[in-house]
């Protein structure tokens, strides 16, 4: 990627991340970058949003694993 394209991509991600923060999405910069890349591959943005929402509803694996007795 040439330097101008890299700068443009970085600025676009910065803008998207700023909007994400204003909308209080809770997405970090890396996750947002991955979601944008998936949209660029023509994945359905609404389907991606539904997946993110579903993943947030599921308890984390560490909180559902039984602990060993002491």
PDB file of N, CA and C in Angstrom:
ATOM      1  N   UNK A   1       0.854  -1.170   0.000  1.00  0.00           N
ATOM      2  CA  UNK A   1       0.000   0.000   0.000  1.00  0.00           C
ATOM      3  C   UNK A   1       0.898   1.231   0.000  1.00  0.00           C
ATOM      4  N   UNK A   2       0.599   2.154  -0.889  1.00  0.00           N
ATOM      5  CA  UNK A   2       1.432   3.353  -0.948  1.00  0.00           C
ATOM      6  C   UNK A   2       1.150   4.249   0.260  1.00  0.00           C
ATOM      7  N   UNK A   3       2.080   5.129   0.587  1.00  0.00           N
ATOM      8  CA  UNK A   3       1.934   5.967   1.797  1.00  0.00           C
ATOM      9  C   UNK A   3       0.660   6.808   1.808  1.00  0.00           C
ATOM     10  N   UNK A   4       0.262   7.325   0.655  1.00  0.00           N
ATOM     11  CA  UNK A   4      -0.954   8.149   0.597  1.00  0.00           C
ATOM     12  C   UNK A   4      -2.195   7.298   0.893  1.00  0.00           C
ATOM     13  N   UNK A   5      -2.254   6.100   0.357  1.00  0.00           N
ATOM     14  CA  UNK A   5      -3.387   5.208   0.614  1.00  0.00           C
ATOM     15  C   UNK A   5      -3.412   4.791   2.085  1.00  0.00           C
ATOM     16  N   UNK A   6      -2.243   4.536   2.641  1.00  0.00           N
ATOM     17  CA  UNK A   6      -2.160   4.157   4.059  1.00  0.00           C
ATOM     18  C   UNK A   6      -2.629   5.310   4.943  1.00  0.00           C
ATOM     19  N   UNK A   7      -2.235   6.528   4.598  1.00  0.00           N
ATOM     20  CA  UNK A   7      -2.659   7.701   5.373  1.00  0.00           C
ATOM     21  C   UNK A   7      -4.169   7.883   5.279  1.00  0.00           C
ATOM     22  N   UNK A   8      -4.716   7.705   4.099  1.00  0.00           N
ATOM     23  CA  UNK A   8      -6.149   7.849   3.894  1.00  0.00           C
ATOM     24  C   UNK A   8      -6.923   6.783   4.677  1.00  0.00           C
ATOM     25  N   UNK A   9      -6.429   5.548   4.661  1.00  0.00           N
ATOM     26  CA  UNK A   9      -7.079   4.464   5.400  1.00  0.00           C
ATOM     27  C   UNK A   9      -7.036   4.740   6.901  1.00  0.00           C
ATOM     28  N   UNK A  10      -5.897   5.228   7.387  1.00  0.00           N
ATOM     29  CA  UNK A  10      -5.758   5.537   8.811  1.00  0.00           C
ATOM     30  C   UNK A  10      -6.714   6.661   9.206  1.00  0.00           C
ATOM     31  N   UNK A  11      -6.819   7.692   8.371  1.00  0.00           N
ATOM     32  CA  UNK A  11      -7.730   8.795   8.667  1.00  0.00           C
ATOM     33  C   UNK A  11      -9.186   8.331   8.664  1.00  0.00           C
ATOM     34  N   UNK A  12      -9.524   7.442   7.733  1.00  0.00           N
ATOM     35  CA  UNK A  12     -10.894   6.918   7.675  1.00  0.00           C
ATOM     36  C   UNK A  12     -11.210   6.113   8.932  1.00  0.00           C
ATOM     37  N   UNK A  13     -10.257   5.284   9.368  1.00  0.00           N
ATOM     38  CA  UNK A  13     -10.461   4.511  10.589  1.00  0.00           C
ATOM     39  C   UNK A  13     -10.572   5.432  11.795  1.00  0.00           C
ATOM     40  N   UNK A  14      -9.746   6.471  11.845  1.00  0.00           N
ATOM     41  CA  UNK A  14      -9.824   7.433  12.949  1.00  0.00           C
ATOM     42  C   UNK A  14     -11.209   8.072  13.014  1.00  0.00           C
ATOM     43  N   UNK A  15     -11.741   8.457  11.852  1.00  0.00           N
ATOM     44  CA  UNK A  15     -13.064   9.070  11.797  1.00  0.00           C
ATOM     45  C   UNK A  15     -14.141   8.081  12.227  1.00  0.00           C
ATOM     46  N   UNK A  16     -14.074   6.860  11.723  1.00  0.00           N
ATOM     47  CA  UNK A  16     -15.053   5.833  12.097  1.00  0.00           C
ATOM     48  C   UNK A  16     -14.977   5.542  13.594  1.00  0.00           C
ATOM     49  N   UNK A  17     -13.758   5.499  14.145  1.00  0.00           N
ATOM     50  CA  UNK A  17     -13.592   5.237  15.578  1.00  0.00           C
ATOM     51  C   UNK A  17     -14.158   6.390  16.401  1.00  0.00           C
ATOM     52  N   UNK A  18     -13.949   7.615  15.937  1.00  0.00           N
ATOM     53  CA  UNK A  18     -14.500   8.778  16.629  1.00  0.00           C
ATOM     54  C   UNK A  18     -16.037   8.712  16.631  1.00  0.00           C
ATOM     55  N   UNK A  19     -16.630   8.389  15.494  1.00  0.00           N
ATOM     56  CA  UNK A  19     -18.089   8.265  15.424  1.00  0.00           C
ATOM     57  C   UNK A  19     -18.571   7.126  16.317  1.00  0.00           C
ATOM     58  N   UNK A  20     -17.824   6.028  16.337  1.00  0.00           N
ATOM     59  CA  UNK A  20     -18.167   4.889  17.178  1.00  0.00           C
ATOM     60  C   UNK A  20     -18.184   5.290  18.654  1.00  0.00           C
ATOM     61  N   UNK A  21     -17.220   6.108  19.052  1.00  0.00           N
ATOM     62  CA  UNK A  21     -17.172   6.584  20.443  1.00  0.00           C
ATOM     63  C   UNK A  21     -18.328   7.522  20.756  1.00  0.00           C
ATOM     64  N   UNK A  22     -18.664   8.397  19.813  1.00  0.00           N
ATOM     65  CA  UNK A  22     -19.793   9.305  20.019  1.00  0.00           C
ATOM     66  C   UNK A  22     -21.085   8.504  20.201  1.00  0.00           C
ATOM     67  N   UNK A  23     -21.218   7.437  19.412  1.00  0.00           N
ATOM     68  CA  UNK A  23     -22.415   6.598  19.488  1.00  0.00           C
ATOM     69  C   UNK A  23     -22.357   5.589  20.640  1.00  0.00           C
ATOM     70  N   UNK A  24     -21.236   5.587  21.362  1.00  0.00           N
ATOM     71  CA  UNK A  24     -21.047   4.718  22.525  1.00  0.00           C
ATOM     72  C   UNK A  24     -21.273   3.250  22.180  1.00  0.00           C
ATOM     73  N   UNK A  25     -20.622   2.795  21.096  1.00  0.00           N
ATOM     74  CA  UNK A  25     -20.781   1.408  20.655  1.00  0.00           C
ATOM     75  C   UNK A  25     -19.990   0.429  21.508  1.00  0.00           C
ATOM     76  N   UNK A  26     -18.945   0.905  22.170  1.00  0.00           N
ATOM     77  CA  UNK A  26     -18.106   0.024  22.961  1.00  0.00           C
ATOM     78  C   UNK A  26     -17.113  -0.772  22.130  1.00  0.00           C
ATOM     79  N   UNK A  27     -16.996  -0.448  20.846  1.00  0.00           N
ATOM     80  CA  UNK A  27     -16.051  -1.157  19.982  1.00  0.00           C
ATOM     81  C   UNK A  27     -14.662  -0.541  20.118  1.00  0.00           C
ATOM     82  N   UNK A  28     -13.650  -1.395  20.238  1.00  0.00           N
ATOM     83  CA  UNK A  28     -12.289  -0.873  20.239  1.00  0.00           C
ATOM     84  C   UNK A  28     -11.836  -0.673  18.786  1.00  0.00           C
ATOM     85  N   UNK A  29     -10.727  -0.009  18.632  1.00  0.00           N
ATOM     86  CA  UNK A  29     -10.231   0.339  17.292  1.00  0.00           C
ATOM     87  C   UNK A  29      -9.975  -0.906  16.442  1.00  0.00           C
ATOM     88  N   UNK A  30      -9.400  -1.948  17.044  1.00  0.00           N
ATOM     89  CA  UNK A  30      -9.094  -3.168  16.288  1.00  0.00           C
ATOM     90  C   UNK A  30     -10.372  -3.858  15.807  1.00  0.00           C
ATOM     91  N   UNK A  31     -11.343  -4.003  16.705  1.00  0.00           N
ATOM     92  CA  UNK A  31     -12.603  -4.652  16.346  1.00  0.00           C
ATOM     93  C   UNK A  31     -13.310  -3.875  15.246  1.00  0.00           C
ATOM     94  N   UNK A  32     -13.326  -2.564  15.374  1.00  0.00           N
ATOM     95  CA  UNK A  32     -13.940  -1.726  14.348  1.00  0.00           C
ATOM     96  C   UNK A  32     -13.235  -1.905  13.011  1.00  0.00           C
ATOM     97  N   UNK A  33     -11.917  -1.981  13.039  1.00  0.00           N
ATOM     98  CA  UNK A  33     -11.145  -2.193  11.818  1.00  0.00           C
ATOM     99  C   UNK A  33     -11.510  -3.524  11.161  1.00  0.00           C
ATOM    100  N   UNK A  34     -11.649  -4.570  11.953  1.00  0.00           N
ATOM    101  CA  UNK A  34     -12.019  -5.888  11.421  1.00  0.00           C
ATOM    102  C   UNK A  34     -13.422  -5.830  10.818  1.00  0.00           C
ATOM    103  N   UNK A  35     -14.357  -5.192  11.500  1.00  0.00           N
ATOM    104  CA  UNK A  35     -15.718  -5.091  10.984  1.00  0.00           C
ATOM    105  C   UNK A  35     -15.769  -4.306   9.679  1.00  0.00           C
ATOM    106  N   UNK A  36     -14.994  -3.246   9.582  1.00  0.00           N
ATOM    107  CA  UNK A  36     -14.942  -2.467   8.342  1.00  0.00           C
ATOM    108  C   UNK A  36     -14.359  -3.312   7.216  1.00  0.00           C
ATOM    109  N   UNK A  37     -13.304  -4.071   7.522  1.00  0.00           N
ATOM    110  CA  UNK A  37     -12.699  -4.939   6.511  1.00  0.00           C
ATOM    111  C   UNK A  37     -13.700  -5.985   6.023  1.00  0.00           C
ATOM    112  N   UNK A  38     -14.493  -6.537   6.932  1.00  0.00           N
ATOM    113  CA  UNK A  38     -15.505  -7.518   6.537  1.00  0.00           C
ATOM    114  C   UNK A  38     -16.578  -6.877   5.659  1.00  0.00           C
ATOM    115  N   UNK A  39     -16.954  -5.651   5.970  1.00  0.00           N
ATOM    116  CA  UNK A  39     -17.911  -4.933   5.116  1.00  0.00           C
ATOM    117  C   UNK A  39     -17.316  -4.681   3.738  1.00  0.00           C
ATOM    118  N   UNK A  40     -16.022  -4.380   3.691  1.00  0.00           N
ATOM    119  CA  UNK A  40     -15.349  -4.178   2.407  1.00  0.00           C
ATOM    120  C   UNK A  40     -15.355  -5.444   1.564  1.00  0.00           C
ATOM    121  N   UNK A  41     -15.471  -6.608   2.233  1.00  0.00           N
ATOM    122  CA  UNK A  41     -15.547  -7.890   1.526  1.00  0.00           C
ATOM    123  C   UNK A  41     -16.999  -8.250   1.186  1.00  0.00           C
ATOM    124  N   UNK A  42     -17.875  -7.260   1.304  1.00  0.00           N
ATOM    125  CA  UNK A  42     -19.300  -7.382   0.957  1.00  0.00           C
ATOM    126  C   UNK A  42     -20.109  -8.240   1.917  1.00  0.00           C
ATOM    127  N   UNK A  43     -19.654  -8.386   3.167  1.00  0.00           N
ATOM    128  CA  UNK A  43     -20.499  -9.023   4.167  1.00  0.00           C
ATOM    129  C   UNK A  43     -21.582  -8.030   4.566  1.00  0.00           C
ATOM    130  N   UNK A  44     -22.718  -8.543   4.918  1.00  0.00           N
ATOM    131  CA  UNK A  44     -23.856  -7.705   5.263  1.00  0.00           C
ATOM    132  C   UNK A  44     -23.607  -7.004   6.603  1.00  0.00           C
ATOM    133  N   UNK A  45     -23.587  -5.657   6.621  1.00  0.00           N
ATOM    134  CA  UNK A  45     -23.327  -4.924   7.871  1.00  0.00           C
ATOM    135  C   UNK A  45     -24.369  -5.202   8.952  1.00  0.00           C
ATOM    136  N   UNK A  46     -25.623  -5.391   8.552  1.00  0.00           N
ATOM    137  CA  UNK A  46     -26.664  -5.676   9.540  1.00  0.00           C
ATOM    138  C   UNK A  46     -26.444  -7.045  10.172  1.00  0.00           C
ATOM    139  N   UNK A  47     -26.000  -8.009   9.374  1.00  0.00           N
ATOM    140  CA  UNK A  47     -25.704  -9.333   9.912  1.00  0.00           C
ATOM    141  C   UNK A  47     -24.513  -9.267  10.867  1.00  0.00           C
ATOM    142  N   UNK A  48     -23.494  -8.483  10.513  1.00  0.00           N
ATOM    143  CA  UNK A  48     -22.344  -8.327  11.402  1.00  0.00           C
ATOM    144  C   UNK A  48     -22.761  -7.685  12.724  1.00  0.00           C
ATOM    145  N   UNK A  49     -23.633  -6.673  12.646  1.00  0.00           N
ATOM    146  CA  UNK A  49     -24.116  -6.022  13.865  1.00  0.00           C
ATOM    147  C   UNK A  49     -24.874  -7.019  14.739  1.00  0.00           C
ATOM    148  N   UNK A  50     -25.670  -7.880  14.115  1.00  0.00           N
ATOM    149  CA  UNK A  50     -26.416  -8.888  14.871  1.00  0.00           C
ATOM    150  C   UNK A  50     -25.462  -9.868  15.559  1.00  0.00           C
ATOM    151  N   UNK A  51     -24.381 -10.242  14.881  1.00  0.00           N
ATOM    152  CA  UNK A  51     -23.401 -11.151  15.469  1.00  0.00           C
ATOM    153  C   UNK A  51     -22.721 -10.486  16.667  1.00  0.00           C
ATOM    154  N   UNK A  52     -22.332  -9.218  16.515  1.00  0.00           N
ATOM    155  CA  UNK A  52     -21.688  -8.500  17.618  1.00  0.00           C
ATOM    156  C   UNK A  52     -22.628  -8.438  18.817  1.00  0.00           C
ATOM    157  N   UNK A  53     -23.894  -8.116  18.578  1.00  0.00           N
ATOM    158  CA  UNK A  53     -24.866  -8.054  19.674  1.00  0.00           C
ATOM    159  C   UNK A  53     -25.016  -9.412  20.356  1.00  0.00           C
ATOM    160  N   UNK A  54     -25.080 -10.466  19.564  1.00  0.00           N
ATOM    161  CA  UNK A  54     -25.237 -11.812  20.126  1.00  0.00           C
ATOM    162  C   UNK A  54     -24.016 -12.202  20.954  1.00  0.00           C
ATOM    163  N   UNK A  55     -22.832 -11.895  20.442  1.00  0.00           N
ATOM    164  CA  UNK A  55     -21.613 -12.224  21.186  1.00  0.00           C
ATOM    165  C   UNK A  55     -21.531 -11.462  22.499  1.00  0.00           C
ATOM    166  N   UNK A  56     -22.055 -10.270  22.529  1.00  0.00           N
ATOM    167  CA  UNK A  56     -22.042  -9.487  23.770  1.00  0.00           C
ATOM    168  C   UNK A  56     -23.012 -10.052  24.798  1.00  0.00           C
ATOM    169  N   UNK A  57     -24.068 -10.722  24.343  1.00  0.00           N
ATOM    170  CA  UNK A  57     -25.037 -11.309  25.257  1.00  0.00           C
ATOM    171  C   UNK A  57     -24.521 -12.570  25.930  1.00  0.00           C
ATOM    172  N   UNK A  58     -23.651 -13.283  25.239  1.00  0.00           N
ATOM    173  CA  UNK A  58     -23.137 -14.538  25.780  1.00  0.00           C
ATOM    174  C   UNK A  58     -22.164 -14.257  26.918  1.00  0.00           C
ATOM    175  N   UNK A  59     -22.257 -15.050  27.987  1.00  0.00           N
ATOM    176  CA  UNK A  59     -21.289 -14.866  29.081  1.00  0.00           C
ATOM    177  C   UNK A  59     -19.894 -15.266  28.619  1.00  0.00           C
ATOM    178  N   UNK A  60     -18.896 -14.641  29.193  1.00  0.00           N
ATOM    179  CA  UNK A  60     -17.526 -14.970  28.815  1.00  0.00           C
ATOM    180  C   UNK A  60     -17.199 -16.387  29.262  1.00  0.00           C
ATOM    181  N   UNK A  61     -16.339 -17.100  28.531  1.00  0.00           N
ATOM    182  CA  UNK A  61     -16.013 -18.488  28.893  1.00  0.00           C
ATOM    183  C   UNK A  61     -15.448 -18.622  30.307  1.00  0.00           C
ATOM    184  N   UNK A  62     -14.687 -17.656  30.772  1.00  0.00           N
ATOM    185  CA  UNK A  62     -14.089 -17.757  32.099  1.00  0.00           C
ATOM    186  C   UNK A  62     -15.143 -17.681  33.197  1.00  0.00           C
ATOM    187  N   UNK A  63     -16.266 -16.994  32.939  1.00  0.00           N
ATOM    188  CA  UNK A  63     -17.280 -16.880  33.989  1.00  0.00           C
ATOM    189  C   UNK A  63     -18.203 -18.086  34.025  1.00  0.00           C
ATOM    190  N   UNK A  64     -18.190 -18.919  32.981  1.00  0.00           N
ATOM    191  CA  UNK A  64     -19.074 -20.085  32.966  1.00  0.00           C
ATOM    192  C   UNK A  64     -18.351 -21.377  33.284  1.00  0.00           C
ATOM    193  N   UNK A  65     -17.016 -21.340  33.346  1.00  0.00           N
ATOM    194  CA  UNK A  65     -16.259 -22.562  33.623  1.00  0.00           C
ATOM    195  C   UNK A  65     -16.289 -22.849  35.117  1.00  0.00           C
ATOM    196  N   UNK A  66     -16.552 -24.093  35.505  1.00  0.00           N
ATOM    197  CA  UNK A  66     -16.552 -24.430  36.930  1.00  0.00           C
ATOM    198  C   UNK A  66     -15.130 -24.327  37.487  1.00  0.00           C
ATOM    199  N   UNK A  67     -15.060 -23.924  38.711  1.00  0.00           N
ATOM    200  CA  UNK A  67     -13.753 -23.824  39.345  1.00  0.00           C
ATOM    201  C   UNK A  67     -13.457 -25.111  40.086  1.00  0.00           C
ATOM    202  N   UNK A  68     -12.204 -25.459  40.133  1.00  0.00           N
ATOM    203  CA  UNK A  68     -11.774 -26.676  40.832  1.00  0.00           C
ATOM    204  C   UNK A  68     -11.857 -26.434  42.334  1.00  0.00           C
ATOM    205  N   UNK A  69     -12.245 -27.445  43.090  1.00  0.00           N
ATOM    206  CA  UNK A  69     -12.291 -27.277  44.556  1.00  0.00           C
ATOM    207  C   UNK A  69     -10.883 -27.065  45.098  1.00  0.00           C
ATOM    208  N   UNK A  70     -10.759 -26.288  46.174  1.00  0.00           N
ATOM    209  CA  UNK A  70      -9.421 -26.004  46.727  1.00  0.00           C
ATOM    210  C   UNK A  70      -8.741 -27.193  47.321  1.00  0.00           C
TER     211      UNK A  70
END
